[in-house]
Protein backbone atom coordinates (compact mmCIF):
# COMPACT_ATOMS: atom_id res chain seq x y z
CA MET A 1 16.00 -1.66 -20.86
CA PRO A 2 15.29 1.45 -18.79
CA ALA A 3 16.71 4.71 -20.04
CA SER A 4 19.78 5.87 -18.18
CA PRO A 5 18.90 8.23 -15.36
CA GLU A 6 20.82 11.15 -16.84
CA ASP A 7 18.50 11.07 -19.88
CA ARG A 8 15.82 12.71 -17.75
CA SER A 9 16.48 16.15 -16.29
CA ALA A 10 14.82 17.46 -13.18
CA VAL A 11 11.14 18.13 -13.72
CA GLN A 12 9.09 20.66 -11.79
CA THR A 13 5.56 19.35 -11.75
CA GLU A 14 2.55 21.52 -11.07
CA HIS A 15 -0.10 18.88 -10.53
CA GLU A 16 -0.18 19.43 -6.78
CA HIS A 17 -0.63 23.18 -7.13
CA ILE A 18 -3.70 23.28 -9.36
CA ASP A 19 -7.32 23.50 -8.21
CA PRO A 20 -9.28 21.65 -10.88
CA ASN A 21 -12.51 22.84 -9.26
CA ALA A 22 -11.57 26.54 -9.40
CA GLU A 23 -13.68 27.24 -12.50
CA GLY A 24 -16.72 25.59 -10.98
CA LEU A 25 -18.46 22.24 -10.83
CA ASP A 26 -20.39 20.37 -13.46
CA ARG A 27 -21.00 17.02 -11.75
CA PHE A 28 -22.81 16.09 -8.56
CA ILE A 29 -23.43 12.85 -6.66
CA VAL A 30 -27.09 12.43 -5.76
CA THR A 31 -28.49 9.76 -3.46
CA PHE A 32 -32.21 9.15 -3.70
CA ALA A 33 -34.21 8.14 -0.66
CA GLY A 34 -35.71 4.71 -0.10
CA ASP A 35 -37.81 3.60 -3.04
CA SER A 36 -37.48 6.91 -4.90
CA ARG A 37 -35.03 5.62 -7.45
CA SER A 38 -37.17 5.39 -10.55
CA SER A 39 -36.12 7.36 -13.61
CA GLU A 40 -39.26 9.49 -13.26
CA ASP A 41 -38.37 10.51 -9.70
CA ARG A 42 -34.86 11.36 -10.77
CA ASP A 43 -35.98 13.40 -13.76
CA ARG A 44 -38.44 15.47 -11.70
CA ALA A 45 -35.82 16.36 -9.10
CA VAL A 46 -33.23 17.25 -11.74
CA ASP A 47 -35.73 19.33 -13.74
CA VAL A 48 -36.44 21.58 -10.77
CA ALA A 49 -32.76 22.06 -10.00
CA GLU A 50 -31.69 22.82 -13.58
CA LYS A 51 -34.39 25.43 -14.01
CA ALA A 52 -33.21 27.19 -10.84
CA VAL A 53 -29.76 27.84 -12.33
CA GLY A 54 -30.70 28.10 -16.01
CA THR A 55 -28.84 25.10 -17.40
CA SER A 56 -29.67 21.61 -18.51
CA ALA A 57 -28.63 18.54 -16.50
CA ASP A 58 -28.79 14.77 -16.95
CA VAL A 59 -28.15 11.61 -14.99
CA VAL A 60 -25.04 10.18 -16.64
CA ARG A 61 -24.49 6.99 -14.64
CA GLU A 62 -25.14 5.00 -11.48
CA THR A 63 -22.47 4.43 -8.84
CA ALA A 64 -21.59 1.30 -6.91
CA GLY A 65 -23.15 2.81 -3.79
CA GLY A 66 -26.59 3.21 -5.39
CA SER A 67 -26.24 6.94 -6.05
CA VAL A 68 -26.26 8.64 -9.46
CA VAL A 69 -23.96 11.18 -11.06
CA VAL A 70 -25.76 14.24 -12.41
CA ALA A 71 -23.88 16.32 -14.98
CA THR A 72 -24.74 19.91 -15.92
CA GLU A 73 -24.25 21.26 -19.42
CA GLN A 74 -21.92 23.98 -18.17
CA LYS A 75 -19.77 24.54 -15.11
CA LEU A 76 -21.53 26.21 -12.19
CA ASP A 77 -19.74 28.78 -10.05
CA PRO A 78 -19.81 28.35 -6.24
CA LYS A 79 -23.08 30.26 -5.85
CA GLU A 80 -24.78 28.39 -8.69
CA SER A 81 -23.47 25.05 -7.43
CA ALA A 82 -24.85 25.70 -3.96
CA GLU A 83 -28.25 26.66 -5.40
CA PHE A 84 -28.33 23.63 -7.68
CA MET A 85 -27.55 21.26 -4.78
CA GLU A 86 -30.03 23.02 -2.50
CA LYS A 87 -32.86 22.61 -5.02
CA LEU A 88 -32.01 18.92 -5.43
CA ALA A 89 -31.91 18.40 -1.68
CA GLN A 90 -35.34 20.03 -1.27
CA SER A 91 -36.95 17.21 -3.23
CA ASP A 92 -38.69 14.62 -1.06
CA THR A 93 -37.11 11.94 -3.23
CA VAL A 94 -33.52 13.03 -2.55
CA ASP A 95 -31.62 11.86 0.52
CA TYR A 96 -28.23 13.49 -0.03
CA VAL A 97 -26.32 15.63 -2.53
CA GLU A 98 -22.58 16.32 -2.71
CA PRO A 99 -20.19 17.74 -5.32
CA ASP A 100 -18.45 15.21 -7.52
CA ALA A 101 -15.25 17.16 -6.88
CA LEU A 102 -12.02 16.53 -8.70
CA VAL A 103 -8.89 15.48 -6.80
CA THR A 104 -5.27 15.36 -7.91
CA ILE A 105 -2.08 13.47 -7.19
CA ALA A 106 -0.29 14.22 -3.92
CA GLU A 107 3.28 14.69 -5.16
CA GLU A 108 5.63 17.64 -5.21
CA ARG A 109 8.36 17.33 -7.78
CA ALA A 110 10.77 15.00 -9.56
CA ASP A 111 14.55 14.99 -9.28
CA GLU A 112 17.19 13.40 -11.45
CA ALA A 113 17.89 9.84 -10.40
CA PRO A 114 21.39 8.85 -9.27
CA LYS A 115 23.62 6.68 -11.39
CA ASP A 116 23.75 2.96 -10.77
CA ASP A 117 25.96 2.13 -7.80
CA ASP A 118 29.44 0.95 -8.79
CA ASP A 119 29.47 -1.43 -5.84
CA LYS A 120 26.32 -3.49 -5.88
CA PRO A 121 25.16 -4.59 -2.46
CA ALA A 122 25.22 -8.31 -1.95
CA ASP A 123 21.67 -8.51 -0.66
CA PRO A 124 19.59 -7.41 -2.42
CA ASN A 125 21.45 -6.97 -5.70
CA ASP A 126 19.27 -4.18 -7.15
CA THR A 127 21.72 -1.64 -8.55
CA MET A 128 20.19 1.46 -6.89
CA TYR A 129 19.54 -0.17 -3.53
CA SER A 130 21.96 2.04 -1.63
CA SER A 131 19.90 5.10 -2.64
CA LEU A 132 16.72 3.72 -1.05
CA TRP A 133 17.12 5.36 2.35
CA GLY A 134 13.37 5.10 2.82
CA LEU A 135 13.80 1.33 3.20
CA HIS A 136 17.09 0.91 5.05
CA GLY A 137 18.28 4.33 6.24
CA GLN A 138 18.46 5.37 9.89
CA TRP A 139 15.14 7.15 9.48
CA GLY A 140 13.75 4.75 6.93
CA ALA A 141 10.91 2.28 7.41
CA HIS A 142 13.20 -0.50 8.77
CA VAL A 143 12.27 -2.84 5.95
CA PRO A 144 15.24 -5.22 5.37
CA ASP A 145 14.86 -7.08 8.68
CA ALA A 146 11.21 -7.72 7.83
CA TRP A 147 12.34 -9.54 4.66
CA LYS A 148 13.88 -12.26 6.83
CA THR A 149 10.30 -13.32 7.56
CA THR A 150 8.33 -12.33 4.45
CA GLN A 151 8.53 -10.36 1.21
CA GLY A 152 4.77 -10.08 0.70
CA LYS A 153 4.00 -13.29 -1.14
CA ASP A 154 0.30 -14.02 -1.85
CA THR A 155 -0.86 -10.44 -1.30
CA THR A 156 -2.28 -7.84 -3.69
CA VAL A 157 -2.09 -4.06 -3.38
CA ALA A 158 -4.46 -1.98 -5.52
CA VAL A 159 -2.92 1.34 -6.56
CA LEU A 160 -5.69 3.86 -7.25
CA ASP A 161 -3.77 6.43 -9.26
CA THR A 162 -2.88 7.54 -12.80
CA GLY A 163 -2.54 3.98 -14.07
CA ILE A 164 0.66 2.17 -14.97
CA THR A 165 3.39 2.28 -17.64
CA LYS A 166 5.56 -0.55 -18.88
CA HIS A 167 8.63 -1.03 -16.72
CA PRO A 168 10.96 -4.04 -16.35
CA ASP A 169 11.12 -3.53 -12.59
CA LEU A 170 7.33 -3.89 -12.30
CA GLU A 171 6.03 -6.22 -14.99
CA ALA A 172 6.57 -9.49 -13.11
CA ASN A 173 4.44 -8.19 -10.23
CA LEU A 174 1.51 -6.73 -12.19
CA ILE A 175 -1.95 -8.31 -12.35
CA PRO A 176 -4.99 -7.12 -14.33
CA GLY A 177 -6.55 -3.88 -13.16
CA TYR A 178 -9.14 -1.43 -14.53
CA ASP A 179 -9.55 2.11 -15.86
CA PHE A 180 -12.32 3.88 -13.92
CA ILE A 181 -12.03 7.34 -15.51
CA SER A 182 -15.50 8.03 -16.89
CA ARG A 183 -14.73 11.36 -18.59
CA GLU A 184 -13.29 10.70 -22.04
CA GLU A 185 -11.47 14.02 -22.16
CA ALA A 186 -9.66 13.17 -18.91
CA ALA A 187 -9.02 9.54 -19.85
CA ARG A 188 -7.35 10.35 -23.17
CA ASP A 189 -8.02 6.86 -24.46
CA GLY A 190 -11.19 7.73 -26.32
CA ASN A 191 -13.57 5.43 -24.51
CA GLY A 192 -13.86 6.26 -20.82
CA ARG A 193 -13.98 3.24 -18.53
CA ASP A 194 -12.35 0.05 -19.76
CA ALA A 195 -10.20 -2.88 -18.68
CA ASP A 196 -6.90 -1.21 -19.67
CA PRO A 197 -5.27 0.77 -16.80
CA GLN A 198 -2.44 2.03 -19.04
CA ASP A 199 -1.38 5.55 -18.00
CA GLU A 200 -2.04 7.76 -21.03
CA GLY A 201 -0.37 10.79 -19.46
CA ASP A 202 -1.75 13.59 -17.29
CA TRP A 203 0.02 16.59 -18.85
CA PHE A 204 -1.90 19.83 -19.32
CA GLY A 205 -1.45 23.30 -20.76
CA PRO A 206 -2.25 26.81 -19.50
CA ARG A 207 -5.86 27.32 -18.36
CA GLU A 208 -6.77 23.69 -19.05
CA CYS A 209 -6.96 22.69 -15.38
CA GLY A 210 -8.19 25.73 -13.53
CA ASP A 211 -8.20 29.47 -14.04
CA ASN A 212 -4.42 29.91 -14.24
CA ASP A 213 -1.49 29.75 -16.64
CA ARG A 214 0.22 26.75 -15.09
CA LYS A 215 1.25 23.81 -17.20
CA ALA A 216 2.73 20.43 -16.35
CA LYS A 217 4.36 17.42 -17.92
CA SER A 218 3.00 13.94 -17.31
CA SER A 219 3.79 12.74 -13.81
CA TRP A 220 3.60 8.93 -14.29
CA HIS A 221 2.59 9.06 -10.66
CA GLY A 222 1.00 5.62 -10.47
CA THR A 223 4.16 4.00 -11.83
CA HIS A 224 6.25 5.71 -9.13
CA VAL A 225 3.90 4.68 -6.32
CA ALA A 226 3.76 1.09 -7.59
CA GLY A 227 7.56 0.83 -7.56
CA THR A 228 7.82 1.83 -3.91
CA ILE A 229 5.26 -0.80 -2.98
CA ALA A 230 6.40 -3.78 -5.01
CA ALA A 231 9.20 -3.24 -7.50
CA VAL A 232 10.78 -6.61 -8.25
CA GLY A 233 13.77 -7.43 -6.05
CA ASN A 234 17.09 -9.12 -6.66
CA ASN A 235 16.91 -8.75 -10.43
CA GLU A 236 20.20 -6.89 -10.77
CA GLN A 237 18.60 -3.64 -11.88
CA GLY A 238 17.03 -0.53 -10.48
CA VAL A 239 15.15 -0.55 -7.19
CA ILE A 240 13.26 -2.91 -4.90
CA GLY A 241 9.86 -2.36 -3.32
CA VAL A 242 8.85 -2.64 0.32
CA SER A 243 6.96 -5.83 -0.52
CA PRO A 244 8.82 -7.21 -3.56
CA GLU A 245 6.81 -10.42 -3.84
CA ALA A 246 3.39 -8.74 -3.61
CA LYS A 247 1.26 -8.12 -6.69
CA ILE A 248 0.25 -4.67 -7.92
CA GLN A 249 -3.26 -4.12 -9.27
CA PRO A 250 -3.26 -0.80 -11.16
CA VAL A 251 -6.61 0.99 -10.95
CA ARG A 252 -6.73 4.16 -13.01
CA VAL A 253 -8.73 6.99 -11.44
CA LEU A 254 -6.62 10.08 -12.23
CA GLY A 255 -6.16 11.55 -15.70
CA LYS A 256 -5.91 15.02 -17.15
CA CYS A 257 -6.77 17.52 -14.38
CA GLY A 258 -7.21 14.77 -11.79
CA GLY A 259 -10.12 12.45 -11.13
CA SER A 260 -13.67 12.60 -9.85
CA THR A 261 -14.86 11.54 -6.40
CA SER A 262 -17.49 9.24 -7.90
CA ASP A 263 -14.93 7.41 -10.04
CA ILE A 264 -12.67 6.99 -7.02
CA ALA A 265 -15.53 5.68 -4.88
CA ASP A 266 -16.44 3.09 -7.52
CA ALA A 267 -12.79 2.08 -7.84
CA ILE A 268 -12.55 1.49 -4.08
CA VAL A 269 -15.59 -0.78 -4.23
CA TRP A 270 -14.24 -2.73 -7.20
CA ALA A 271 -10.70 -3.08 -5.88
CA SER A 272 -12.00 -4.63 -2.66
CA GLY A 273 -14.22 -7.14 -4.46
CA GLY A 274 -17.53 -5.29 -4.48
CA GLU A 275 -20.01 -4.91 -7.34
CA VAL A 276 -19.93 -1.88 -9.67
CA PRO A 277 -22.65 -1.39 -12.30
CA GLY A 278 -21.38 -2.09 -15.81
CA VAL A 279 -17.96 -3.31 -14.67
CA PRO A 280 -16.83 -6.98 -14.52
CA LYS A 281 -16.21 -8.23 -10.99
CA ASN A 282 -12.65 -8.10 -9.75
CA GLN A 283 -11.34 -11.67 -9.72
CA THR A 284 -8.35 -10.80 -7.52
CA PRO A 285 -9.57 -8.42 -4.79
CA ALA A 286 -6.84 -6.46 -3.06
CA GLN A 287 -5.94 -6.91 0.59
CA VAL A 288 -4.52 -3.36 0.60
CA ILE A 289 -5.67 -0.23 -1.27
CA ASN A 290 -3.29 2.71 -1.74
CA MET A 291 -4.62 6.19 -2.52
CA SER A 292 -1.86 8.76 -2.97
CA LEU A 293 -4.22 11.52 -4.04
CA GLY A 294 -6.19 14.34 -2.51
CA GLY A 295 -8.37 17.41 -2.69
CA ARG A 296 -9.08 20.26 -0.29
CA HIS A 297 -12.50 19.16 0.85
CA GLN A 298 -13.69 16.83 3.55
CA CYS A 299 -14.68 13.24 3.03
CA GLY A 300 -18.14 12.94 1.49
CA ARG A 301 -20.73 10.27 2.04
CA ALA A 302 -20.17 8.47 -1.27
CA ALA A 303 -16.46 7.96 -0.65
CA GLN A 304 -16.95 7.11 3.02
CA ASN A 305 -19.54 4.46 2.18
CA ALA A 306 -17.15 2.96 -0.38
CA ILE A 307 -14.30 2.88 2.16
CA ASP A 308 -16.49 1.34 4.85
CA GLY A 309 -17.54 -1.39 2.44
CA ALA A 310 -13.95 -2.09 1.43
CA VAL A 311 -12.83 -2.39 5.05
CA ALA A 312 -15.77 -4.69 5.79
CA ARG A 313 -14.57 -6.91 2.92
CA GLY A 314 -11.10 -7.04 4.50
CA SER A 315 -9.14 -4.40 2.56
CA THR A 316 -6.85 -2.02 4.45
CA VAL A 317 -7.16 1.47 2.94
CA VAL A 318 -3.99 3.62 3.10
CA VAL A 319 -4.14 7.30 2.08
CA SER A 320 -1.75 10.25 1.86
CA ALA A 321 -2.22 13.18 4.23
CA GLY A 322 -1.58 15.84 1.56
CA ASN A 323 1.16 18.34 0.77
CA SER A 324 -0.23 21.73 1.77
CA LYS A 325 1.43 22.20 5.18
CA ALA A 326 -2.06 22.27 6.66
CA ASP A 327 -4.40 20.28 8.87
CA ALA A 328 -5.12 17.00 7.09
CA ALA A 329 -8.66 17.10 8.49
CA GLU A 330 -9.48 19.61 5.74
CA PHE A 331 -8.57 17.18 2.95
CA PHE A 332 -10.02 14.16 1.16
CA PRO A 333 -9.38 11.26 1.60
CA ALA A 334 -7.18 12.02 4.64
CA SER A 335 -10.25 13.07 6.64
CA CYS A 336 -12.18 9.87 5.95
CA LYS A 337 -12.77 7.35 8.72
CA ASN A 338 -11.54 3.76 8.49
CA VAL A 339 -8.35 4.72 6.65
CA VAL A 340 -4.66 4.82 7.60
CA THR A 341 -3.67 8.45 6.99
CA VAL A 342 0.06 8.93 6.35
CA ALA A 343 2.20 12.03 6.84
CA ALA A 344 5.65 12.37 5.25
CA SER A 345 9.01 12.41 7.02
CA ASP A 346 12.49 13.22 5.72
CA SER A 347 15.78 11.35 5.95
CA HIS A 348 16.63 13.09 9.25
CA GLY A 349 13.57 11.94 11.17
CA LYS A 350 11.64 15.19 10.88
CA ILE A 351 8.25 15.90 9.38
CA ALA A 352 8.73 16.88 5.73
CA PRO A 353 8.34 20.64 5.15
CA TYR A 354 5.35 20.23 2.82
CA SER A 355 3.47 17.51 4.74
CA ASN A 356 -0.01 17.94 6.13
CA PHE A 357 -0.38 17.05 9.79
CA GLY A 358 -2.90 16.89 12.63
CA ASN A 359 -5.14 14.63 14.65
CA VAL A 360 -6.38 12.59 11.68
CA VAL A 361 -2.82 11.46 10.85
CA ASP A 362 -2.17 7.89 12.00
CA VAL A 363 1.50 7.33 11.16
CA ALA A 364 4.38 8.89 9.25
CA ALA A 365 6.57 7.27 6.58
CA PRO A 366 9.47 8.34 4.34
CA GLY A 367 8.24 10.95 1.86
CA GLY A 368 11.53 12.68 1.22
CA ASP A 369 12.83 16.18 0.67
CA THR A 370 14.39 16.79 -2.75
CA ARG A 371 16.01 20.04 -1.66
CA GLU A 372 18.71 17.76 -0.26
CA ARG A 373 20.74 15.70 -2.71
CA GLY A 374 19.62 12.09 -2.41
CA GLY A 375 16.83 13.10 -0.08
CA GLY A 376 13.93 12.15 -2.35
CA ILE A 377 12.21 8.79 -2.78
CA LEU A 378 13.66 6.97 -5.78
CA SER A 379 11.32 4.74 -7.75
CA THR A 380 10.19 3.60 -11.19
CA LEU A 381 9.04 6.16 -13.78
CA ASN A 382 8.83 6.96 -17.49
CA THR A 383 10.79 9.45 -19.61
CA GLY A 384 7.82 10.75 -21.60
CA ALA A 385 6.92 14.42 -21.22
CA THR A 386 3.36 13.76 -22.45
CA THR A 387 2.74 10.21 -23.67
CA PRO A 388 4.71 7.15 -22.47
CA GLU A 389 8.21 6.62 -23.80
CA GLU A 390 11.02 4.74 -22.03
CA PRO A 391 11.20 3.34 -18.48
CA THR A 392 13.52 5.11 -16.05
CA TYR A 393 14.01 5.90 -12.35
CA VAL A 394 13.37 9.27 -10.71
CA SER A 395 13.17 10.70 -7.18
CA TYR A 396 9.91 12.31 -6.05
CA GLN A 397 8.87 13.81 -2.75
CA GLY A 398 5.44 13.94 -1.16
CA THR A 399 2.96 12.21 1.07
CA SER A 400 2.22 10.26 -2.12
CA MET A 401 5.61 8.64 -1.60
CA ALA A 402 5.01 8.07 2.12
CA ALA A 403 1.72 6.21 1.74
CA PRO A 404 3.15 3.37 -0.42
CA HIS A 405 5.76 2.61 2.26
CA VAL A 406 2.82 1.95 4.59
CA SER A 407 0.85 0.00 1.97
CA GLY A 408 3.88 -2.21 1.31
CA THR A 409 4.27 -2.82 5.03
CA ALA A 410 0.58 -3.68 5.35
CA ALA A 411 1.08 -6.25 2.58
CA LEU A 412 3.98 -7.78 4.52
CA LEU A 413 1.75 -8.12 7.59
CA LYS A 414 -1.06 -9.67 5.59
CA SER A 415 1.38 -12.12 4.02
CA VAL A 416 2.51 -13.31 7.44
CA ASP A 417 -1.02 -13.61 8.82
CA PRO A 418 -3.81 -13.60 6.18
CA GLY A 419 -6.40 -13.43 8.96
CA LEU A 420 -5.39 -9.95 10.10
CA THR A 421 -8.21 -7.41 9.93
CA PRO A 422 -7.67 -3.84 8.70
CA ALA A 423 -8.20 -2.62 12.27
CA ARG A 424 -5.51 -4.96 13.61
CA ILE A 425 -3.06 -3.94 10.87
CA GLU A 426 -3.54 -0.27 11.75
CA GLU A 427 -3.15 -1.08 15.43
CA VAL A 428 0.15 -2.91 14.89
CA LEU A 429 1.53 -0.14 12.66
CA LYS A 430 0.84 2.38 15.41
CA GLU A 431 2.07 0.21 18.28
CA LYS A 432 5.44 -0.42 16.62
CA ALA A 433 5.99 3.08 15.22
CA VAL A 434 9.19 4.91 16.12
CA PRO A 435 8.91 8.42 17.67
CA LEU A 436 10.18 11.21 15.43
CA ASP A 437 11.76 14.45 16.58
CA GLN A 438 9.93 17.30 18.32
CA SER A 439 8.72 18.72 15.01
CA CYS A 440 6.34 15.77 14.83
CA GLU A 441 5.07 15.78 18.39
CA GLY A 442 1.29 15.55 18.37
CA VAL A 443 0.91 16.02 14.61
CA CYS A 444 2.45 12.92 12.97
CA GLY A 445 0.31 10.28 14.57
CA ALA A 446 2.10 7.44 16.33
CA GLY A 447 5.41 8.14 14.58
CA LEU A 448 7.53 6.57 11.85
CA ILE A 449 6.48 3.09 10.76
CA ASN A 450 8.78 0.18 11.61
CA ALA A 451 8.20 -2.66 9.17
CA ALA A 452 10.51 -5.13 10.92
CA ALA A 453 8.96 -4.65 14.35
CA SER A 454 5.44 -4.78 12.88
CA VAL A 455 6.11 -8.06 11.07
CA ALA A 456 7.71 -9.54 14.18
CA ALA A 457 4.61 -8.61 16.19
CA VAL A 458 2.29 -10.71 14.01
CA ALA A 459 4.63 -13.50 12.93
CA PRO A 460 3.76 -16.84 14.54
CA VAL A 461 6.15 -17.87 17.27
CA GLU A 462 7.83 -21.14 16.38
CA ALA A 463 7.32 -23.67 19.14
CA ALA A 464 10.48 -25.21 20.55
CA PRO A 465 10.90 -28.82 19.41
CA ASP A 466 9.88 -31.44 21.92
CA PRO A 467 12.92 -32.91 23.68
CA ALA A 468 13.93 -36.39 22.56
CA PRO A 469 12.48 -39.00 24.92
CA ALA A 470 14.95 -40.47 27.37
CA PRO A 471 16.00 -43.99 26.38
CA THR A 472 14.28 -46.76 28.27
CA PRO A 473 16.90 -48.37 30.54
CA THR A 474 17.60 -52.01 29.93
CA PRO A 475 16.75 -53.85 33.15
CA THR A 476 19.61 -55.66 34.84
CA PRO A 477 18.74 -59.34 35.23
CA ASP A 478 18.65 -60.73 38.74
CA PRO A 479 21.72 -62.81 39.57
CA VAL A 480 21.18 -66.53 39.31
CA GLU A 481 22.44 -68.66 42.22
CA SER A 482 24.66 -71.50 41.15
CA LYS A 483 23.68 -74.78 42.62
CA PRO A 484 26.38 -77.01 44.04
CA SER A 485 27.19 -79.92 41.86
CA THR A 486 26.24 -83.33 43.22
CA VAL A 487 28.91 -84.97 41.14
CA LYS A 488 32.22 -85.50 42.84
CA PRO A 489 35.14 -84.21 40.77
CA THR A 490 37.89 -86.58 39.82
CA TRP A 491 41.34 -86.07 41.23
CA ARG A 492 42.56 -84.48 38.04
CA GLN A 493 39.65 -82.04 37.97
CA TRP A 494 40.09 -81.14 41.60
CA TRP A 495 43.80 -80.50 41.11
CA LYS A 496 43.20 -78.29 38.06
CA ASN A 497 40.66 -76.19 39.91
CA ASN A 498 42.82 -75.69 42.98
CA TRP A 499 46.29 -75.59 41.55
CA LYS A 500 46.63 -71.80 41.79
CA ALA A 501 45.76 -71.83 45.45
CA PHE A 502 48.55 -74.28 46.10
CA GLN A 503 50.93 -72.49 43.84
CA GLY A 504 51.41 -69.66 46.31
CA ASN A 505 51.82 -71.92 49.31
CA ARG A 506 55.44 -72.88 49.54
CA HIS A 507 55.25 -74.61 52.90
CA TRP A 508 54.54 -78.25 52.50
CA HIS A 509 54.06 -80.37 55.50
CA ARG A 510 54.58 -84.01 55.86
CA ARG A 511 52.73 -85.98 58.21
CA GLY A 512 54.97 -87.76 60.69
């Protein structure tokens, strides 16, 4: 059973405030031109670049997009990184070079969860349902009316995040995923990539994730995001997700100090059903991919190619706008094309105070504001400060919490009409969005998503039953003329037939 909410005090996380790239870069994504992909061509290009900066470098792996990841023996500062990439790019065999930058979760902080409601709502019967304003509040995503049509059956949402922890409100909706973290020190499971997406914890100490003294407890971020999308409904405990009959495919890409762009790009390819070198093919490709993560750099070619491929295979890619109160165009993956970029709103219909904004934002969704009691987004979590312990429920705020509301809604749409393309799903979400207040004008995309109106827009219209055919009238037979009898009646017969006529005639006449 989940630990009682009061067992976990408020936690101030610092994951969002670190820059894991501050101390420099030690990995780069290199794309070789045309036929120049032999190991000899690669080695020559890398040799020139490593000599220019005085360090050794090696190709450590291939990516799903045909590029390679080059790792240097030591971190390079901004000047050294630029020189290293420039020398690589000068090679005739190299088409493109970009940093394999680290990104982090897009979440602000955790609040203590409320106690179970004394009065359980009749429908659904999840004990904390009344606290889920993001689903049913005035400025929520208008989810309950959508459930009259669908709850997301036969859809899969891949959650590219920190992985997953055991939780009774999630287990029935989980399907096999994958761990794409290639750095063993970040993965904390001792073996890098593997088929186990268990969240091992993303805690860190001072100066472990950047040149600062910040520290943080484990966020269990992927577990929280998964709960908003598809926590099991009507099970008399906890919360319910936007799409409670959808399946969650946990794909681990974030560990200690975040995750690399190349790992994320490969995970996007795999989640959507594409081929990744050295990784078994995904047998249950996701119709929707959620990425509640980000870094302050623009979308690179490797990630964009992965996203384009996923969309071409039919997966809708939903991403968080970021929590820096800045233009989302400056952030990855919010600045990528072919994605649904989501800003965060609060329970009063305003843009959340931390949310990124701008022209690349497509829609807004409930992200919460934990400065107000009950104003956060309540979902599934774990009590562990470092490694996993007991399941619980906690409120977070962030564009990380907004994006899963949209991913869950996209799953509802796909459940109603499996033929919907990612472009059509984005179009419907925008068309049916609700305008927010003036604080969002021009910077929150089309407005606040409306799950009920979006589902109604794609649900097939039931044809009226054909009227019952009118009964065929029974023809009236033509009257048959009676023929006069040729037989003379006897006196007794004649008298019987005419007696009544005589009965009323009281005047009898005698003949004289």
